[in-house]
Amino acid sequence: MIDQTRPVVLLVSRIAIGVIFLVHGYQKFVTMGIAGTAEFFAAAGIPLPGLAAPAVAGLEVAGGLALVLGAALPVAGSLLALDMIGAIVFVHGANGLAGDGGYEFVLALAAASLAVGFTGGGALALDNALARRRPAQPATT
């Protein structure tokens, strides 16, 4: 039974985590705006906030979409985990693990991004669908 449910569980997990990143990236682009995000990044001590703001927003949107689709999972999962480690270092770390502004949520997102990124995404991932469609490579001698 576990083997039959694994693809669905991985799909639901990828979608949930991906949507969280999509929403956070969207907020940086639209709700706060890139200028507002850059101001927040500058106040938090993030280096090169004018470059970091669109880069992080773009990463969160593209990486979130990659998780939802199950595409480029090791790359997307690793980059999103690094994004969350940056959020811990620059924004949430000083607030402790739990509590107001704590880093428990971003730590969980970092761990989940790595877990989803390196599971292969399951049978319902785009990466796996593309791998099944590739012709077998001839052996080299």
C-alpha atoms as a PDB file:
ATOM      1  CA  MET A   1       0.000   0.000   0.000  1.00  0.00           C
ATOM      2  CA  ILE A   2       2.835   2.414   0.749  1.00  0.00           C
ATOM      3  CA  ASP A   3       4.234   1.976  -2.759  1.00  0.00           C
ATOM      4  CA  GLN A   4       0.868   2.908  -4.280  1.00  0.00           C
ATOM      5  CA  THR A   5       0.437   6.030  -2.149  1.00  0.00           C
ATOM      6  CA  ARG A   6       4.043   7.288  -2.352  1.00  0.00           C
ATOM      7  CA  PRO A   7       3.598   9.170  -5.683  1.00  0.00           C
ATOM      8  CA  VAL A   8       0.499  10.954  -4.379  1.00  0.00           C
ATOM      9  CA  VAL A   9       2.136  11.848  -1.053  1.00  0.00           C
ATOM     10  CA  LEU A  10       5.192  13.221  -2.854  1.00  0.00           C
ATOM     11  CA  LEU A  11       2.957  15.196  -5.212  1.00  0.00           C
ATOM     12  CA  VAL A  12       0.946  16.718  -2.358  1.00  0.00           C
ATOM     13  CA  SER A  13       4.154  17.554  -0.465  1.00  0.00           C
ATOM     14  CA  ARG A  14       5.764  19.160  -3.516  1.00  0.00           C
ATOM     15  CA  ILE A  15       2.652  21.211  -4.228  1.00  0.00           C
ATOM     16  CA  ALA A  16       2.273  22.396  -0.626  1.00  0.00           C
ATOM     17  CA  ILE A  17       5.899  23.460  -0.262  1.00  0.00           C
ATOM     18  CA  GLY A  18       6.038  24.903  -3.771  1.00  0.00           C
ATOM     19  CA  VAL A  19       2.918  27.012  -3.232  1.00  0.00           C
ATOM     20  CA  ILE A  20       4.395  28.447  -0.022  1.00  0.00           C
ATOM     21  CA  PHE A  21       7.484  29.566  -1.958  1.00  0.00           C
ATOM     22  CA  LEU A  22       5.389  30.864  -4.857  1.00  0.00           C
ATOM     23  CA  VAL A  23       3.336  33.008  -2.477  1.00  0.00           C
ATOM     24  CA  HIS A  24       6.414  34.362  -0.701  1.00  0.00           C
ATOM     25  CA  GLY A  25       8.062  35.234  -4.014  1.00  0.00           C
ATOM     26  CA  TYR A  26       4.837  36.827  -5.250  1.00  0.00           C
ATOM     27  CA  GLN A  27       4.693  38.943  -2.081  1.00  0.00           C
ATOM     28  CA  LYS A  28       8.210  40.174  -2.727  1.00  0.00           C
ATOM     29  CA  PHE A  29       7.330  41.130  -6.308  1.00  0.00           C
ATOM     30  CA  VAL A  30       3.794  42.467  -5.861  1.00  0.00           C
ATOM     31  CA  THR A  31       2.709  43.066  -2.259  1.00  0.00           C
ATOM     32  CA  MET A  32       5.937  44.604  -0.945  1.00  0.00           C
ATOM     33  CA  GLY A  33       7.327  45.350  -4.386  1.00  0.00           C
ATOM     34  CA  ILE A  34      10.965  44.867  -5.266  1.00  0.00           C
ATOM     35  CA  ALA A  35      11.839  48.334  -3.912  1.00  0.00           C
ATOM     36  CA  GLY A  36      10.128  47.570  -0.587  1.00  0.00           C
ATOM     37  CA  THR A  37      11.776  44.157  -0.447  1.00  0.00           C
ATOM     38  CA  ALA A  38      15.161  45.754  -1.131  1.00  0.00           C
ATOM     39  CA  GLU A  39      14.563  48.250   1.691  1.00  0.00           C
ATOM     40  CA  PHE A  40      13.681  45.396   4.049  1.00  0.00           C
ATOM     41  CA  PHE A  41      16.772  43.464   2.935  1.00  0.00           C
ATOM     42  CA  ALA A  42      18.958  46.537   3.511  1.00  0.00           C
ATOM     43  CA  ALA A  43      17.545  47.001   7.022  1.00  0.00           C
ATOM     44  CA  ALA A  44      18.202  43.300   7.729  1.00  0.00           C
ATOM     45  CA  GLY A  45      21.829  43.667   6.644  1.00  0.00           C
ATOM     46  CA  ILE A  46      21.531  41.513   3.527  1.00  0.00           C
ATOM     47  CA  PRO A  47      24.399  42.364   1.168  1.00  0.00           C
ATOM     48  CA  LEU A  48      23.559  44.026  -2.157  1.00  0.00           C
ATOM     49  CA  PRO A  49      19.860  44.380  -1.357  1.00  0.00           C
ATOM     50  CA  GLY A  50      19.056  45.908  -4.758  1.00  0.00           C
ATOM     51  CA  LEU A  51      20.303  42.732  -6.447  1.00  0.00           C
ATOM     52  CA  ALA A  52      19.280  40.305  -3.722  1.00  0.00           C
ATOM     53  CA  ALA A  53      15.610  41.365  -3.675  1.00  0.00           C
ATOM     54  CA  PRO A  54      14.737  40.457  -7.279  1.00  0.00           C
ATOM     55  CA  ALA A  55      17.037  37.424  -7.172  1.00  0.00           C
ATOM     56  CA  VAL A  56      15.361  36.008  -4.053  1.00  0.00           C
ATOM     57  CA  ALA A  57      11.878  36.839  -5.315  1.00  0.00           C
ATOM     58  CA  GLY A  58      12.648  35.190  -8.651  1.00  0.00           C
ATOM     59  CA  LEU A  59      14.174  32.163  -6.962  1.00  0.00           C
ATOM     60  CA  GLU A  60      11.132  31.708  -4.741  1.00  0.00           C
ATOM     61  CA  VAL A  61       8.722  31.937  -7.680  1.00  0.00           C
ATOM     62  CA  ALA A  62      10.768  29.773 -10.060  1.00  0.00           C
ATOM     63  CA  GLY A  63      11.829  27.325  -7.357  1.00  0.00           C
ATOM     64  CA  GLY A  64       8.283  27.048  -6.043  1.00  0.00           C
ATOM     65  CA  LEU A  65       7.027  26.353  -9.547  1.00  0.00           C
ATOM     66  CA  ALA A  66       9.780  23.765 -10.049  1.00  0.00           C
ATOM     67  CA  LEU A  67       8.696  21.966  -6.870  1.00  0.00           C
ATOM     68  CA  VAL A  68       5.043  21.994  -7.939  1.00  0.00           C
ATOM     69  CA  LEU A  69       5.922  20.574 -11.357  1.00  0.00           C
ATOM     70  CA  GLY A  70       8.600  18.223 -10.078  1.00  0.00           C
ATOM     71  CA  ALA A  71      11.225  19.742 -12.376  1.00  0.00           C
ATOM     72  CA  ALA A  72      14.951  20.196 -11.681  1.00  0.00           C
ATOM     73  CA  LEU A  73      14.263  19.079  -8.132  1.00  0.00           C
ATOM     74  CA  PRO A  74      17.814  18.738  -6.748  1.00  0.00           C
ATOM     75  CA  VAL A  75      18.726  22.207  -8.035  1.00  0.00           C
ATOM     76  CA  ALA A  76      15.464  23.849  -6.930  1.00  0.00           C
ATOM     77  CA  GLY A  77      15.483  22.132  -3.532  1.00  0.00           C
ATOM     78  CA  SER A  78      19.105  23.077  -2.848  1.00  0.00           C
ATOM     79  CA  LEU A  79      18.682  26.712  -3.883  1.00  0.00           C
ATOM     80  CA  LEU A  80      15.485  27.108  -1.860  1.00  0.00           C
ATOM     81  CA  ALA A  81      17.188  25.566   1.178  1.00  0.00           C
ATOM     82  CA  LEU A  82      20.051  28.065   0.796  1.00  0.00           C
ATOM     83  CA  ASP A  83      17.461  30.847   0.531  1.00  0.00           C
ATOM     84  CA  MET A  84      15.948  29.739   3.844  1.00  0.00           C
ATOM     85  CA  ILE A  85      19.363  29.461   5.490  1.00  0.00           C
ATOM     86  CA  GLY A  86      19.917  33.088   4.457  1.00  0.00           C
ATOM     87  CA  ALA A  87      16.568  33.984   6.036  1.00  0.00           C
ATOM     88  CA  ILE A  88      17.711  32.332   9.270  1.00  0.00           C
ATOM     89  CA  VAL A  89      21.098  34.059   9.245  1.00  0.00           C
ATOM     90  CA  PHE A  90      19.884  37.551   8.371  1.00  0.00           C
ATOM     91  CA  VAL A  91      16.311  37.775   9.665  1.00  0.00           C
ATOM     92  CA  HIS A  92      15.062  35.047  11.994  1.00  0.00           C
ATOM     93  CA  GLY A  93      18.117  33.607  13.764  1.00  0.00           C
ATOM     94  CA  ALA A  94      18.339  36.262  16.455  1.00  0.00           C
ATOM     95  CA  ASN A  95      14.732  35.520  17.470  1.00  0.00           C
ATOM     96  CA  GLY A  96      15.456  31.947  18.515  1.00  0.00           C
ATOM     97  CA  LEU A  97      13.957  28.706  17.324  1.00  0.00           C
ATOM     98  CA  ALA A  98      10.333  29.299  18.289  1.00  0.00           C
ATOM     99  CA  GLY A  99       8.256  32.328  19.101  1.00  0.00           C
ATOM    100  CA  ASP A 100       7.692  35.702  17.533  1.00  0.00           C
ATOM    101  CA  GLY A 101       9.816  35.826  14.378  1.00  0.00           C
ATOM    102  CA  GLY A 102      11.603  32.582  15.256  1.00  0.00           C
ATOM    103  CA  TYR A 103      13.260  30.453  12.630  1.00  0.00           C
ATOM    104  CA  GLU A 104      11.244  27.231  13.027  1.00  0.00           C
ATOM    105  CA  PHE A 105       9.177  27.851   9.877  1.00  0.00           C
ATOM    106  CA  VAL A 106      12.101  28.724   7.612  1.00  0.00           C
ATOM    107  CA  LEU A 107      14.117  25.823   9.024  1.00  0.00           C
ATOM    108  CA  ALA A 108      11.222  23.466   8.237  1.00  0.00           C
ATOM    109  CA  LEU A 109      11.008  24.911   4.707  1.00  0.00           C
ATOM    110  CA  ALA A 110      14.757  24.411   4.215  1.00  0.00           C
ATOM    111  CA  ALA A 111      14.564  20.784   5.360  1.00  0.00           C
ATOM    112  CA  ALA A 112      11.422  20.116   3.297  1.00  0.00           C
ATOM    113  CA  SER A 113      13.020  21.654   0.201  1.00  0.00           C
ATOM    114  CA  LEU A 114      16.008  19.354   0.517  1.00  0.00           C
ATOM    115  CA  ALA A 115      13.839  16.319   1.232  1.00  0.00           C
ATOM    116  CA  VAL A 116      11.585  16.951  -1.767  1.00  0.00           C
ATOM    117  CA  GLY A 117      14.528  17.953  -3.936  1.00  0.00           C
ATOM    118  CA  PHE A 118      16.379  14.709  -3.363  1.00  0.00           C
ATOM    119  CA  THR A 119      13.526  12.170  -3.316  1.00  0.00           C
ATOM    120  CA  GLY A 120      13.283  12.177  -7.083  1.00  0.00           C
ATOM    121  CA  GLY A 121       9.810  13.688  -6.849  1.00  0.00           C
ATOM    122  CA  GLY A 122       7.928  10.461  -7.381  1.00  0.00           C
ATOM    123  CA  ALA A 123       6.193   8.979 -10.391  1.00  0.00           C
ATOM    124  CA  LEU A 124       4.091  12.132 -10.856  1.00  0.00           C
ATOM    125  CA  ALA A 125       7.085  14.483 -11.221  1.00  0.00           C
ATOM    126  CA  LEU A 126       8.021  16.095 -14.530  1.00  0.00           C
ATOM    127  CA  ASP A 127      11.642  14.999 -14.023  1.00  0.00           C
ATOM    128  CA  ASN A 128      10.525  11.351 -13.933  1.00  0.00           C
ATOM    129  CA  ALA A 129       8.174  11.725 -16.888  1.00  0.00           C
ATOM    130  CA  LEU A 130      10.987  13.184 -18.976  1.00  0.00           C
ATOM    131  CA  ALA A 131      13.407  10.474 -17.855  1.00  0.00           C
ATOM    132  CA  ARG A 132      10.944   7.771 -18.966  1.00  0.00           C
ATOM    133  CA  ARG A 133      10.627   9.380 -22.426  1.00  0.00           C
ATOM    134  CA  ARG A 134      14.369   9.577 -23.129  1.00  0.00           C
ATOM    135  CA  PRO A 135      15.625   6.856 -25.464  1.00  0.00           C
ATOM    136  CA  ALA A 136      18.165   4.476 -24.039  1.00  0.00           C
ATOM    137  CA  GLN A 137      21.721   5.629 -24.630  1.00  0.00           C
ATOM    138  CA  PRO A 138      23.926   3.205 -26.572  1.00  0.00           C
ATOM    139  CA  ALA A 139      26.777   1.694 -24.608  1.00  0.00           C
ATOM    140  CA  THR A 140      30.165   3.190 -25.336  1.00  0.00           C
ATOM    141  CA  THR A 141      33.194   1.007 -25.708  1.00  0.00           C
END
